[in-house]
Amino acid sequence: MKAVILAAGEGRRMLPLTQSIPKPLLRVKNKTILDYIFDALPPEIDQVVLVVGYLKKKIQEHIGYRYQGKAIRYVVQHSLTGSATALLCCRDLFLPDERFLLIYGDDMTNRAEVEECLSHSFSWVCCPAANPHASGIATLTPNGRIMEVVEKPDHPKSTMSAAGVMVISGAIFTYVPIQHQNGEYYLTSLMNQFVAKCRVQAVIGKERPAFVSPDEIEKLNRSL
């Protein structure tokens, strides 16, 4: 089974740390964020597609073409316009009904979350948001089905955010992303079309760092 890791962004909010290091290679304790992600991948994930862009050579040098027992393939996002367009760079690598795992390159997930996601046909990790106005906020049914995710809402309906870990299928590539008012094409615009057609189960995960300011790295290093 394949996993896609979105690792192309510039990480502007983490400047000056990301001036010479791509965000997924920032270190928490003695490991990069990407290392934590690879640690979370179970054996059934045997191929990883890394979408790279900003400072891509540094990621390629760190990961290579085989990492922690996984075969690695690189896809380059030339125009850094958002997570939706990053994923769409992979459209030729998947069959329409092929399930795959998708992880944001700055999401510090864990093996338990990933394995629970894989136990469902389609799933999306949701977790408490410290700042709902800066997150993608999920609307869930009582039995945990995701109905909608609103990106950076002015009036959040809950404090449950959709994190950067999900199991979806190649059907996602049939949808057209919608540009957010801030100019970005967020993955949530594709996922809202996906959840309207497919049952996507919420997997309740741990609260995680949002990596919206450089001091978060220092706070994490103190807390771990």
N, C-alpha and C. Protein backbone atom coordinates (compact mmCIF):
# COMPACT_ATOMS: atom_id res chain seq x y z
N MET A 1 0.85 -1.19 0.00
CA MET A 1 0.00 0.00 0.00
C MET A 1 0.88 1.24 0.00
N LYS A 2 0.43 2.27 -0.71
CA LYS A 2 1.20 3.50 -0.81
C LYS A 2 0.77 4.52 0.25
N ALA A 3 1.72 5.36 0.63
CA ALA A 3 1.45 6.55 1.41
C ALA A 3 1.97 7.75 0.64
N VAL A 4 1.26 8.85 0.72
CA VAL A 4 1.71 10.12 0.15
C VAL A 4 2.00 11.06 1.30
N ILE A 5 3.17 11.67 1.29
CA ILE A 5 3.53 12.68 2.29
C ILE A 5 3.71 14.01 1.57
N LEU A 6 2.95 15.01 1.97
CA LEU A 6 3.02 16.34 1.36
C LEU A 6 4.10 17.15 2.06
N ALA A 7 5.22 17.38 1.38
CA ALA A 7 6.37 18.02 2.01
C ALA A 7 6.96 19.11 1.13
N ALA A 8 6.10 19.83 0.41
CA ALA A 8 6.58 20.80 -0.58
C ALA A 8 6.58 22.24 -0.09
N GLY A 9 5.82 22.55 0.95
CA GLY A 9 5.58 23.94 1.32
C GLY A 9 6.80 24.69 1.85
N GLU A 10 6.68 26.00 1.84
CA GLU A 10 7.78 26.86 2.28
C GLU A 10 7.86 27.01 3.80
N GLY A 11 6.79 26.74 4.52
CA GLY A 11 6.81 26.87 5.98
C GLY A 11 7.11 28.29 6.42
N ARG A 12 6.46 29.27 5.81
CA ARG A 12 6.77 30.68 6.09
C ARG A 12 6.56 31.07 7.54
N ARG A 13 5.56 30.46 8.18
CA ARG A 13 5.28 30.84 9.57
C ARG A 13 6.37 30.37 10.52
N MET A 14 7.22 29.46 10.05
CA MET A 14 8.30 28.97 10.90
C MET A 14 9.62 29.68 10.64
N LEU A 15 9.60 30.73 9.84
CA LEU A 15 10.82 31.54 9.65
C LEU A 15 11.26 32.13 10.99
N PRO A 16 12.56 32.28 11.23
CA PRO A 16 13.67 32.06 10.31
C PRO A 16 14.19 30.61 10.26
N LEU A 17 13.54 29.68 11.03
CA LEU A 17 14.03 28.31 11.07
C LEU A 17 14.00 27.66 9.68
N THR A 18 13.01 28.03 8.87
CA THR A 18 12.86 27.40 7.56
C THR A 18 13.56 28.16 6.43
N GLN A 19 14.40 29.11 6.80
CA GLN A 19 15.13 29.86 5.78
C GLN A 19 16.07 28.95 4.99
N SER A 20 16.66 27.98 5.68
CA SER A 20 17.59 27.08 5.00
C SER A 20 17.25 25.60 5.22
N ILE A 21 16.19 25.33 5.96
CA ILE A 21 15.77 23.95 6.24
C ILE A 21 14.28 23.82 5.91
N PRO A 22 13.87 22.85 5.10
CA PRO A 22 12.44 22.68 4.86
C PRO A 22 11.73 22.25 6.14
N LYS A 23 10.52 22.68 6.30
CA LYS A 23 9.77 22.44 7.54
C LYS A 23 9.76 20.96 7.97
N PRO A 24 9.56 20.00 7.05
CA PRO A 24 9.55 18.59 7.49
C PRO A 24 10.87 18.09 8.04
N LEU A 25 11.96 18.83 7.83
CA LEU A 25 13.26 18.43 8.37
C LEU A 25 13.63 19.17 9.65
N LEU A 26 12.74 20.02 10.16
CA LEU A 26 12.99 20.62 11.46
C LEU A 26 13.07 19.52 12.52
N ARG A 27 13.93 19.70 13.49
CA ARG A 27 14.18 18.65 14.47
C ARG A 27 13.43 18.91 15.78
N VAL A 28 12.81 17.85 16.25
CA VAL A 28 12.20 17.82 17.57
C VAL A 28 12.95 16.76 18.35
N LYS A 29 13.60 17.18 19.44
CA LYS A 29 14.58 16.33 20.11
C LYS A 29 15.65 15.96 19.09
N ASN A 30 15.86 14.68 18.87
CA ASN A 30 16.97 14.29 18.00
C ASN A 30 16.52 13.77 16.64
N LYS A 31 15.23 14.01 16.29
CA LYS A 31 14.71 13.47 15.04
C LYS A 31 13.98 14.56 14.26
N THR A 32 13.97 14.41 12.95
CA THR A 32 13.19 15.34 12.12
C THR A 32 11.71 14.98 12.20
N ILE A 33 10.86 15.93 11.81
CA ILE A 33 9.43 15.65 11.75
C ILE A 33 9.15 14.50 10.80
N LEU A 34 9.86 14.47 9.67
CA LEU A 34 9.69 13.36 8.73
C LEU A 34 10.04 12.02 9.36
N ASP A 35 11.05 11.99 10.22
CA ASP A 35 11.41 10.74 10.89
C ASP A 35 10.27 10.24 11.76
N TYR A 36 9.61 11.15 12.47
CA TYR A 36 8.46 10.76 13.29
C TYR A 36 7.35 10.17 12.41
N ILE A 37 7.14 10.77 11.24
CA ILE A 37 6.11 10.26 10.33
C ILE A 37 6.47 8.85 9.86
N PHE A 38 7.71 8.64 9.45
CA PHE A 38 8.12 7.31 9.00
C PHE A 38 8.03 6.29 10.13
N ASP A 39 8.32 6.71 11.35
CA ASP A 39 8.18 5.81 12.50
C ASP A 39 6.74 5.34 12.67
N ALA A 40 5.79 6.16 12.25
CA ALA A 40 4.37 5.84 12.43
C ALA A 40 3.83 4.91 11.34
N LEU A 41 4.58 4.67 10.28
CA LEU A 41 4.08 3.87 9.17
C LEU A 41 4.21 2.38 9.46
N PRO A 42 3.11 1.62 9.41
CA PRO A 42 3.17 0.18 9.65
C PRO A 42 3.76 -0.55 8.44
N PRO A 43 4.10 -1.84 8.61
CA PRO A 43 4.74 -2.60 7.53
C PRO A 43 3.93 -2.66 6.23
N GLU A 44 2.59 -2.61 6.33
CA GLU A 44 1.80 -2.71 5.10
C GLU A 44 2.00 -1.52 4.17
N ILE A 45 2.50 -0.41 4.69
CA ILE A 45 2.89 0.70 3.82
C ILE A 45 4.29 0.39 3.31
N ASP A 46 4.37 0.01 2.04
CA ASP A 46 5.68 -0.38 1.49
C ASP A 46 6.23 0.61 0.48
N GLN A 47 5.40 1.58 0.06
CA GLN A 47 5.85 2.62 -0.86
C GLN A 47 5.42 3.99 -0.34
N VAL A 48 6.32 4.95 -0.43
CA VAL A 48 6.00 6.31 0.01
C VAL A 48 6.29 7.27 -1.14
N VAL A 49 5.28 8.06 -1.48
CA VAL A 49 5.42 9.13 -2.47
C VAL A 49 5.60 10.43 -1.71
N LEU A 50 6.73 11.07 -1.90
CA LEU A 50 7.02 12.34 -1.24
C LEU A 50 6.83 13.47 -2.24
N VAL A 51 5.88 14.37 -1.95
CA VAL A 51 5.69 15.55 -2.78
C VAL A 51 6.60 16.64 -2.23
N VAL A 52 7.56 17.05 -3.04
CA VAL A 52 8.57 18.02 -2.59
C VAL A 52 8.54 19.26 -3.48
N GLY A 53 9.10 20.33 -2.97
CA GLY A 53 9.16 21.58 -3.72
C GLY A 53 10.24 22.47 -3.15
N TYR A 54 9.89 23.18 -2.07
CA TYR A 54 10.83 24.09 -1.42
C TYR A 54 12.00 23.30 -0.83
N LEU A 55 13.22 23.70 -1.19
CA LEU A 55 14.45 23.05 -0.70
C LEU A 55 14.37 21.53 -0.84
N LYS A 56 13.86 21.08 -1.99
CA LYS A 56 13.60 19.66 -2.19
C LYS A 56 14.85 18.79 -2.10
N LYS A 57 15.99 19.31 -2.51
CA LYS A 57 17.21 18.50 -2.49
C LYS A 57 17.60 18.09 -1.08
N LYS A 58 17.29 18.94 -0.10
CA LYS A 58 17.63 18.59 1.28
C LYS A 58 16.79 17.41 1.77
N ILE A 59 15.53 17.38 1.37
CA ILE A 59 14.68 16.24 1.72
C ILE A 59 15.16 14.99 1.00
N GLN A 60 15.49 15.12 -0.28
CA GLN A 60 15.96 13.97 -1.04
C GLN A 60 17.27 13.42 -0.47
N GLU A 61 18.14 14.31 -0.03
CA GLU A 61 19.41 13.86 0.57
C GLU A 61 19.17 13.14 1.89
N HIS A 62 18.21 13.60 2.66
CA HIS A 62 17.93 12.99 3.96
C HIS A 62 17.25 11.63 3.81
N ILE A 63 16.31 11.52 2.88
CA ILE A 63 15.48 10.33 2.76
C ILE A 63 16.06 9.32 1.75
N GLY A 64 16.58 9.82 0.63
CA GLY A 64 17.08 8.93 -0.40
C GLY A 64 15.95 8.21 -1.13
N TYR A 65 16.24 7.02 -1.65
CA TYR A 65 15.24 6.28 -2.42
C TYR A 65 14.77 5.01 -1.70
N ARG A 66 15.25 4.80 -0.51
CA ARG A 66 14.72 3.77 0.37
C ARG A 66 14.97 4.24 1.80
N TYR A 67 13.91 4.24 2.61
CA TYR A 67 14.05 4.79 3.96
C TYR A 67 13.19 3.97 4.90
N GLN A 68 13.78 3.52 5.97
CA GLN A 68 13.10 2.68 6.96
C GLN A 68 12.33 1.54 6.29
N GLY A 69 12.94 0.94 5.29
CA GLY A 69 12.35 -0.21 4.61
C GLY A 69 11.29 0.12 3.58
N LYS A 70 11.04 1.40 3.32
CA LYS A 70 10.02 1.81 2.35
C LYS A 70 10.68 2.30 1.06
N ALA A 71 10.12 1.89 -0.07
CA ALA A 71 10.56 2.43 -1.36
C ALA A 71 10.05 3.86 -1.48
N ILE A 72 10.90 4.76 -1.95
CA ILE A 72 10.57 6.18 -2.01
C ILE A 72 10.49 6.64 -3.46
N ARG A 73 9.44 7.41 -3.75
CA ARG A 73 9.31 8.07 -5.05
C ARG A 73 9.05 9.55 -4.81
N TYR A 74 9.65 10.40 -5.62
CA TYR A 74 9.49 11.85 -5.47
C TYR A 74 8.62 12.42 -6.58
N VAL A 75 7.75 13.34 -6.20
CA VAL A 75 6.95 14.12 -7.14
C VAL A 75 7.19 15.58 -6.79
N VAL A 76 7.46 16.41 -7.79
CA VAL A 76 7.79 17.81 -7.53
C VAL A 76 6.57 18.70 -7.78
N GLN A 77 6.24 19.50 -6.78
CA GLN A 77 5.21 20.54 -6.94
C GLN A 77 5.94 21.83 -7.31
N HIS A 78 5.82 22.23 -8.57
CA HIS A 78 6.58 23.38 -9.04
C HIS A 78 5.97 24.71 -8.61
N SER A 79 4.64 24.76 -8.55
CA SER A 79 3.97 25.98 -8.13
C SER A 79 3.34 25.73 -6.76
N LEU A 80 3.85 26.38 -5.72
CA LEU A 80 3.44 26.10 -4.35
C LEU A 80 2.18 26.87 -3.99
N THR A 81 1.06 26.34 -4.47
CA THR A 81 -0.23 27.04 -4.31
C THR A 81 -1.14 26.38 -3.29
N GLY A 82 -0.66 25.36 -2.59
CA GLY A 82 -1.49 24.77 -1.55
C GLY A 82 -1.42 23.26 -1.51
N SER A 83 -2.03 22.69 -0.45
CA SER A 83 -1.99 21.24 -0.24
C SER A 83 -2.83 20.49 -1.26
N ALA A 84 -3.91 21.10 -1.75
CA ALA A 84 -4.73 20.42 -2.76
C ALA A 84 -3.96 20.24 -4.06
N THR A 85 -3.31 21.29 -4.52
CA THR A 85 -2.55 21.18 -5.76
C THR A 85 -1.32 20.31 -5.57
N ALA A 86 -0.80 20.23 -4.35
CA ALA A 86 0.31 19.31 -4.08
C ALA A 86 -0.14 17.87 -4.29
N LEU A 87 -1.27 17.51 -3.73
CA LEU A 87 -1.77 16.15 -3.91
C LEU A 87 -2.07 15.85 -5.37
N LEU A 88 -2.64 16.81 -6.08
CA LEU A 88 -3.01 16.57 -7.48
C LEU A 88 -1.80 16.28 -8.36
N CYS A 89 -0.60 16.63 -7.90
CA CYS A 89 0.61 16.27 -8.64
C CYS A 89 0.81 14.76 -8.73
N CYS A 90 0.10 14.02 -7.88
CA CYS A 90 0.27 12.55 -7.82
C CYS A 90 -0.81 11.81 -8.60
N ARG A 91 -1.64 12.49 -9.32
CA ARG A 91 -2.82 11.86 -9.92
C ARG A 91 -2.48 10.68 -10.82
N ASP A 92 -1.34 10.70 -11.49
CA ASP A 92 -0.99 9.62 -12.43
C ASP A 92 -0.46 8.37 -11.74
N LEU A 93 -0.32 8.40 -10.43
CA LEU A 93 0.28 7.28 -9.70
C LEU A 93 -0.74 6.35 -9.08
N PHE A 94 -2.05 6.67 -9.21
CA PHE A 94 -3.07 5.90 -8.51
C PHE A 94 -4.22 5.51 -9.44
N LEU A 95 -4.75 4.31 -9.22
CA LEU A 95 -5.97 3.88 -9.88
C LEU A 95 -7.16 4.53 -9.20
N PRO A 96 -8.30 4.65 -9.89
CA PRO A 96 -9.45 5.36 -9.31
C PRO A 96 -9.94 4.79 -7.99
N ASP A 97 -9.85 3.46 -7.80
CA ASP A 97 -10.36 2.86 -6.57
C ASP A 97 -9.24 2.44 -5.61
N GLU A 98 -8.04 2.91 -5.85
CA GLU A 98 -6.90 2.51 -5.02
C GLU A 98 -6.87 3.31 -3.72
N ARG A 99 -6.93 2.61 -2.59
CA ARG A 99 -6.83 3.26 -1.29
C ARG A 99 -5.37 3.63 -1.01
N PHE A 100 -5.18 4.76 -0.35
CA PHE A 100 -3.83 5.14 0.07
C PHE A 100 -3.90 6.01 1.31
N LEU A 101 -2.78 6.07 1.99
CA LEU A 101 -2.64 6.91 3.18
C LEU A 101 -2.05 8.25 2.78
N LEU A 102 -2.60 9.31 3.31
CA LEU A 102 -2.10 10.66 3.02
C LEU A 102 -1.73 11.34 4.33
N ILE A 103 -0.52 11.90 4.40
CA ILE A 103 -0.05 12.57 5.61
C ILE A 103 0.60 13.89 5.23
N TYR A 104 0.27 14.94 5.96
CA TYR A 104 0.98 16.21 5.80
C TYR A 104 2.40 16.06 6.36
N GLY A 105 3.35 16.70 5.70
CA GLY A 105 4.75 16.57 6.08
C GLY A 105 5.12 17.26 7.38
N ASP A 106 4.16 17.91 8.04
CA ASP A 106 4.44 18.53 9.34
C ASP A 106 3.51 17.99 10.43
N ASP A 107 2.90 16.81 10.16
CA ASP A 107 1.97 16.24 11.13
C ASP A 107 2.68 15.16 11.94
N MET A 108 2.84 15.39 13.23
CA MET A 108 3.51 14.42 14.10
C MET A 108 2.50 13.38 14.60
N THR A 109 2.18 12.46 13.70
CA THR A 109 1.23 11.40 14.03
C THR A 109 1.96 10.28 14.76
N ASN A 110 1.26 9.16 15.01
CA ASN A 110 1.88 8.01 15.67
C ASN A 110 1.31 6.72 15.07
N ARG A 111 1.94 5.60 15.40
CA ARG A 111 1.55 4.32 14.81
C ARG A 111 0.10 3.94 15.13
N ALA A 112 -0.35 4.20 16.35
CA ALA A 112 -1.71 3.83 16.74
C ALA A 112 -2.75 4.57 15.90
N GLU A 113 -2.55 5.86 15.68
CA GLU A 113 -3.48 6.63 14.85
C GLU A 113 -3.52 6.09 13.43
N VAL A 114 -2.34 5.85 12.86
CA VAL A 114 -2.27 5.38 11.47
C VAL A 114 -2.93 4.01 11.34
N GLU A 115 -2.66 3.11 12.27
CA GLU A 115 -3.26 1.77 12.18
C GLU A 115 -4.77 1.82 12.32
N GLU A 116 -5.29 2.71 13.18
CA GLU A 116 -6.74 2.83 13.29
C GLU A 116 -7.33 3.41 12.01
N CYS A 117 -6.64 4.38 11.40
CA CYS A 117 -7.11 4.91 10.12
C CYS A 117 -7.20 3.81 9.07
N LEU A 118 -6.18 2.96 9.02
CA LEU A 118 -6.15 1.90 8.02
C LEU A 118 -7.19 0.83 8.26
N SER A 119 -7.74 0.75 9.48
CA SER A 119 -8.77 -0.25 9.78
C SER A 119 -10.12 0.11 9.20
N HIS A 120 -10.27 1.34 8.73
CA HIS A 120 -11.51 1.79 8.09
C HIS A 120 -11.30 1.90 6.58
N SER A 121 -12.38 1.80 5.84
CA SER A 121 -12.27 1.97 4.38
C SER A 121 -11.70 3.35 4.06
N PHE A 122 -12.30 4.38 4.66
CA PHE A 122 -11.82 5.75 4.52
C PHE A 122 -11.89 6.42 5.89
N SER A 123 -10.92 7.25 6.19
CA SER A 123 -10.86 7.82 7.53
C SER A 123 -10.07 9.12 7.50
N TRP A 124 -10.17 9.85 8.63
CA TRP A 124 -9.47 11.13 8.76
C TRP A 124 -9.27 11.37 10.25
N VAL A 125 -8.06 11.59 10.67
CA VAL A 125 -7.79 11.87 12.08
C VAL A 125 -8.34 13.24 12.44
N CYS A 126 -9.08 13.29 13.54
CA CYS A 126 -9.58 14.56 14.07
C CYS A 126 -9.09 14.69 15.51
N CYS A 127 -8.77 15.90 15.92
CA CYS A 127 -8.22 16.10 17.25
C CYS A 127 -8.60 17.49 17.76
N PRO A 128 -8.50 17.71 19.07
CA PRO A 128 -8.83 19.03 19.62
C PRO A 128 -7.92 20.11 19.04
N ALA A 129 -8.50 21.26 18.75
CA ALA A 129 -7.74 22.38 18.19
C ALA A 129 -7.56 23.45 19.25
N ALA A 130 -6.32 23.86 19.47
CA ALA A 130 -6.05 24.94 20.42
C ALA A 130 -6.60 26.26 19.91
N ASN A 131 -6.55 26.45 18.58
CA ASN A 131 -7.04 27.69 17.97
C ASN A 131 -7.93 27.31 16.78
N PRO A 132 -9.22 27.11 16.99
CA PRO A 132 -10.11 26.67 15.91
C PRO A 132 -10.15 27.63 14.72
N HIS A 133 -9.92 28.92 14.97
CA HIS A 133 -9.96 29.89 13.87
C HIS A 133 -8.82 29.68 12.87
N ALA A 134 -7.77 28.99 13.29
CA ALA A 134 -6.61 28.78 12.43
C ALA A 134 -6.54 27.35 11.90
N SER A 135 -7.63 26.58 12.08
CA SER A 135 -7.62 25.16 11.73
C SER A 135 -8.74 24.84 10.74
N GLY A 136 -8.70 23.61 10.24
CA GLY A 136 -9.82 23.07 9.48
C GLY A 136 -10.74 22.37 10.46
N ILE A 137 -11.94 22.91 10.68
CA ILE A 137 -12.82 22.41 11.73
C ILE A 137 -13.86 21.45 11.14
N ALA A 138 -13.96 20.27 11.77
CA ALA A 138 -14.81 19.19 11.25
C ALA A 138 -16.19 19.20 11.88
N THR A 139 -17.19 18.88 11.06
CA THR A 139 -18.53 18.60 11.55
C THR A 139 -18.73 17.09 11.49
N LEU A 140 -19.05 16.48 12.65
CA LEU A 140 -19.19 15.03 12.75
C LEU A 140 -20.61 14.64 13.12
N THR A 141 -21.06 13.49 12.63
CA THR A 141 -22.33 12.92 13.08
C THR A 141 -22.08 12.24 14.43
N PRO A 142 -23.17 11.87 15.16
CA PRO A 142 -22.98 11.20 16.45
C PRO A 142 -22.17 9.90 16.36
N ASN A 143 -22.22 9.21 15.20
CA ASN A 143 -21.45 7.97 15.08
C ASN A 143 -20.08 8.18 14.44
N GLY A 144 -19.66 9.46 14.32
CA GLY A 144 -18.30 9.76 13.92
C GLY A 144 -18.04 9.89 12.43
N ARG A 145 -19.08 9.99 11.64
CA ARG A 145 -18.87 10.23 10.21
C ARG A 145 -18.57 11.71 9.98
N ILE A 146 -17.58 11.99 9.16
CA ILE A 146 -17.23 13.38 8.85
C ILE A 146 -18.15 13.88 7.74
N MET A 147 -18.83 14.99 7.98
CA MET A 147 -19.76 15.56 7.02
C MET A 147 -19.16 16.73 6.25
N GLU A 148 -18.28 17.49 6.93
CA GLU A 148 -17.73 18.69 6.31
C GLU A 148 -16.55 19.17 7.14
N VAL A 149 -15.61 19.81 6.48
CA VAL A 149 -14.51 20.47 7.17
C VAL A 149 -14.41 21.89 6.61
N VAL A 150 -14.45 22.88 7.50
CA VAL A 150 -14.37 24.27 7.09
C VAL A 150 -12.99 24.80 7.48
N GLU A 151 -12.26 25.31 6.50
CA GLU A 151 -10.90 25.78 6.71
C GLU A 151 -10.90 27.19 7.29
N LYS A 152 -10.24 27.34 8.44
CA LYS A 152 -10.07 28.63 9.10
C LYS A 152 -11.39 29.41 9.20
N PRO A 153 -12.38 28.84 9.87
CA PRO A 153 -13.71 29.47 9.92
C PRO A 153 -13.73 30.72 10.79
N ASP A 154 -14.55 31.69 10.38
CA ASP A 154 -14.76 32.87 11.22
C ASP A 154 -15.56 32.51 12.47
N HIS A 155 -16.48 31.55 12.32
CA HIS A 155 -17.34 31.13 13.43
C HIS A 155 -17.29 29.60 13.53
N PRO A 156 -16.28 29.06 14.20
CA PRO A 156 -16.13 27.60 14.28
C PRO A 156 -17.34 26.94 14.93
N LYS A 157 -17.79 25.82 14.34
CA LYS A 157 -18.92 25.08 14.90
C LYS A 157 -18.49 24.13 16.01
N SER A 158 -17.19 23.88 16.11
CA SER A 158 -16.68 23.01 17.16
C SER A 158 -15.21 23.34 17.37
N THR A 159 -14.57 22.59 18.25
CA THR A 159 -13.13 22.73 18.45
C THR A 159 -12.40 21.48 17.96
N MET A 160 -13.08 20.67 17.16
CA MET A 160 -12.48 19.44 16.65
C MET A 160 -11.91 19.71 15.25
N SER A 161 -10.61 19.62 15.13
CA SER A 161 -9.97 19.92 13.85
C SER A 161 -9.65 18.65 13.09
N ALA A 162 -9.64 18.76 11.77
CA ALA A 162 -9.20 17.66 10.91
C ALA A 162 -7.69 17.76 10.77
N ALA A 163 -7.00 16.74 11.21
CA ALA A 163 -5.53 16.74 11.18
C ALA A 163 -5.04 16.31 9.80
N GLY A 164 -3.72 16.16 9.70
CA GLY A 164 -3.13 15.86 8.40
C GLY A 164 -2.85 14.40 8.16
N VAL A 165 -3.77 13.52 8.57
CA VAL A 165 -3.63 12.08 8.36
C VAL A 165 -4.97 11.54 7.91
N MET A 166 -5.01 10.85 6.78
CA MET A 166 -6.27 10.31 6.27
C MET A 166 -6.04 9.14 5.33
N VAL A 167 -7.07 8.32 5.18
CA VAL A 167 -7.09 7.25 4.19
C VAL A 167 -8.18 7.57 3.20
N ILE A 168 -7.79 7.67 1.94
CA ILE A 168 -8.72 8.03 0.87
C ILE A 168 -8.46 7.12 -0.33
N SER A 169 -9.03 7.45 -1.48
CA SER A 169 -8.79 6.66 -2.68
C SER A 169 -8.49 7.56 -3.87
N GLY A 170 -8.12 6.94 -4.96
CA GLY A 170 -7.81 7.68 -6.18
C GLY A 170 -8.97 8.50 -6.72
N ALA A 171 -10.18 8.28 -6.18
CA ALA A 171 -11.32 9.10 -6.59
C ALA A 171 -11.10 10.57 -6.28
N ILE A 172 -10.23 10.86 -5.32
CA ILE A 172 -9.96 12.26 -4.95
C ILE A 172 -9.44 13.07 -6.13
N PHE A 173 -8.81 12.38 -7.09
CA PHE A 173 -8.21 13.08 -8.21
C PHE A 173 -9.22 13.49 -9.28
N THR A 174 -10.48 13.10 -9.10
CA THR A 174 -11.52 13.50 -10.06
C THR A 174 -12.13 14.85 -9.69
N TYR A 175 -11.77 15.38 -8.51
CA TYR A 175 -12.37 16.62 -8.04
C TYR A 175 -11.49 17.83 -8.36
N VAL A 176 -12.11 18.98 -8.40
CA VAL A 176 -11.40 20.23 -8.70
C VAL A 176 -11.32 21.06 -7.43
N PRO A 177 -10.12 21.49 -7.04
CA PRO A 177 -10.00 22.27 -5.80
C PRO A 177 -10.60 23.67 -5.94
N ILE A 178 -11.02 24.21 -4.81
CA ILE A 178 -11.60 25.55 -4.76
C ILE A 178 -10.62 26.46 -4.04
N GLN A 179 -10.39 27.62 -4.59
CA GLN A 179 -9.43 28.55 -4.00
C GLN A 179 -10.02 29.23 -2.77
N HIS A 180 -9.28 29.17 -1.67
CA HIS A 180 -9.69 29.85 -0.44
C HIS A 180 -9.55 31.35 -0.63
N GLN A 181 -10.24 32.13 0.21
CA GLN A 181 -10.19 33.59 0.10
C GLN A 181 -8.78 34.15 0.32
N ASN A 182 -7.90 33.37 0.96
CA ASN A 182 -6.52 33.83 1.15
C ASN A 182 -5.62 33.46 -0.03
N GLY A 183 -6.19 32.85 -1.05
CA GLY A 183 -5.44 32.54 -2.27
C GLY A 183 -4.94 31.12 -2.38
N GLU A 184 -4.96 30.36 -1.27
CA GLU A 184 -4.45 28.99 -1.29
C GLU A 184 -5.53 28.00 -1.71
N TYR A 185 -5.05 26.86 -2.24
CA TYR A 185 -5.94 25.74 -2.55
C TYR A 185 -5.72 24.67 -1.49
N TYR A 186 -6.60 24.64 -0.49
CA TYR A 186 -6.45 23.70 0.61
C TYR A 186 -7.01 22.33 0.24
N LEU A 187 -6.40 21.30 0.81
CA LEU A 187 -6.88 19.94 0.58
C LEU A 187 -8.32 19.76 1.04
N THR A 188 -8.75 20.53 2.02
CA THR A 188 -10.12 20.41 2.51
C THR A 188 -11.14 20.65 1.41
N SER A 189 -10.80 21.46 0.40
CA SER A 189 -11.76 21.69 -0.69
C SER A 189 -11.97 20.43 -1.52
N LEU A 190 -10.95 19.59 -1.63
CA LEU A 190 -11.10 18.29 -2.29
C LEU A 190 -11.79 17.29 -1.36
N MET A 191 -11.39 17.30 -0.11
CA MET A 191 -11.93 16.33 0.83
C MET A 191 -13.41 16.53 1.10
N ASN A 192 -13.88 17.78 1.06
CA ASN A 192 -15.31 18.00 1.25
C ASN A 192 -16.12 17.37 0.12
N GLN A 193 -15.56 17.35 -1.08
CA GLN A 193 -16.22 16.65 -2.19
C GLN A 193 -16.15 15.15 -2.00
N PHE A 194 -15.02 14.68 -1.44
CA PHE A 194 -14.85 13.24 -1.20
C PHE A 194 -15.80 12.75 -0.12
N VAL A 195 -15.92 13.49 1.00
CA VAL A 195 -16.78 13.03 2.10
C VAL A 195 -18.26 13.09 1.72
N ALA A 196 -18.61 13.91 0.72
CA ALA A 196 -20.00 13.96 0.26
C ALA A 196 -20.38 12.69 -0.49
N LYS A 197 -19.39 11.99 -1.04
CA LYS A 197 -19.65 10.79 -1.83
C LYS A 197 -19.30 9.51 -1.08
N CYS A 198 -18.35 9.57 -0.16
CA CYS A 198 -17.85 8.39 0.53
C CYS A 198 -17.97 8.57 2.04
N ARG A 199 -18.22 7.46 2.74
CA ARG A 199 -18.27 7.52 4.20
C ARG A 199 -16.84 7.61 4.74
N VAL A 200 -16.52 8.70 5.39
CA VAL A 200 -15.19 8.91 5.96
C VAL A 200 -15.32 8.95 7.48
N GLN A 201 -14.68 8.02 8.14
CA GLN A 201 -14.79 7.89 9.59
C GLN A 201 -13.76 8.76 10.30
N ALA A 202 -14.21 9.48 11.31
CA ALA A 202 -13.28 10.26 12.14
C ALA A 202 -12.55 9.33 13.09
N VAL A 203 -11.23 9.42 13.10
CA VAL A 203 -10.40 8.73 14.08
C VAL A 203 -9.92 9.79 15.06
N ILE A 204 -10.31 9.66 16.30
CA ILE A 204 -9.99 10.69 17.29
C ILE A 204 -8.54 10.51 17.74
N GLY A 205 -7.74 11.55 17.49
CA GLY A 205 -6.32 11.48 17.79
C GLY A 205 -5.92 12.48 18.85
N LYS A 206 -4.65 12.49 19.12
CA LYS A 206 -4.10 13.38 20.14
C LYS A 206 -3.95 14.80 19.57
N GLU A 207 -4.00 15.78 20.46
CA GLU A 207 -3.70 17.14 20.04
C GLU A 207 -2.24 17.21 19.62
N ARG A 208 -1.97 17.93 18.55
CA ARG A 208 -0.60 18.00 18.05
C ARG A 208 -0.18 19.44 17.81
N PRO A 209 1.14 19.65 17.71
CA PRO A 209 1.62 21.00 17.43
C PRO A 209 1.19 21.46 16.05
N ALA A 210 0.85 22.72 15.92
CA ALA A 210 0.43 23.27 14.63
C ALA A 210 1.60 23.81 13.83
N PHE A 211 2.75 23.99 14.49
CA PHE A 211 3.93 24.54 13.84
C PHE A 211 3.62 25.85 13.11
N VAL A 212 3.05 26.79 13.87
CA VAL A 212 2.71 28.08 13.29
C VAL A 212 3.68 29.18 13.73
N SER A 213 4.63 28.84 14.61
CA SER A 213 5.63 29.82 15.02
C SER A 213 6.88 29.07 15.47
N PRO A 214 8.06 29.69 15.33
CA PRO A 214 9.31 29.00 15.66
C PRO A 214 9.41 28.55 17.11
N ASP A 215 8.76 29.25 18.03
CA ASP A 215 8.90 28.87 19.44
C ASP A 215 8.23 27.54 19.76
N GLU A 216 7.41 27.03 18.85
CA GLU A 216 6.78 25.73 19.10
C GLU A 216 7.82 24.61 19.18
N ILE A 217 8.89 24.73 18.40
CA ILE A 217 9.94 23.72 18.45
C ILE A 217 10.57 23.69 19.84
N GLU A 218 10.85 24.87 20.38
CA GLU A 218 11.45 24.96 21.71
C GLU A 218 10.51 24.39 22.76
N LYS A 219 9.22 24.70 22.65
CA LYS A 219 8.23 24.18 23.62
C LYS A 219 8.15 22.67 23.55
N LEU A 220 8.18 22.12 22.34
CA LEU A 220 8.14 20.67 22.18
C LEU A 220 9.36 20.01 22.79
N ASN A 221 10.51 20.59 22.53
CA ASN A 221 11.75 20.02 23.06
C ASN A 221 11.74 20.02 24.60
N ARG A 222 11.09 21.01 25.19
CA ARG A 222 11.01 21.06 26.65
C ARG A 222 10.01 20.02 27.19
N SER A 223 8.95 19.76 26.41
CA SER A 223 7.88 18.91 26.91
C SER A 223 8.12 17.43 26.68
N LEU A 224 8.93 17.07 25.68
CA LEU A 224 9.12 15.65 25.36
C LEU A 224 10.20 15.05 26.24
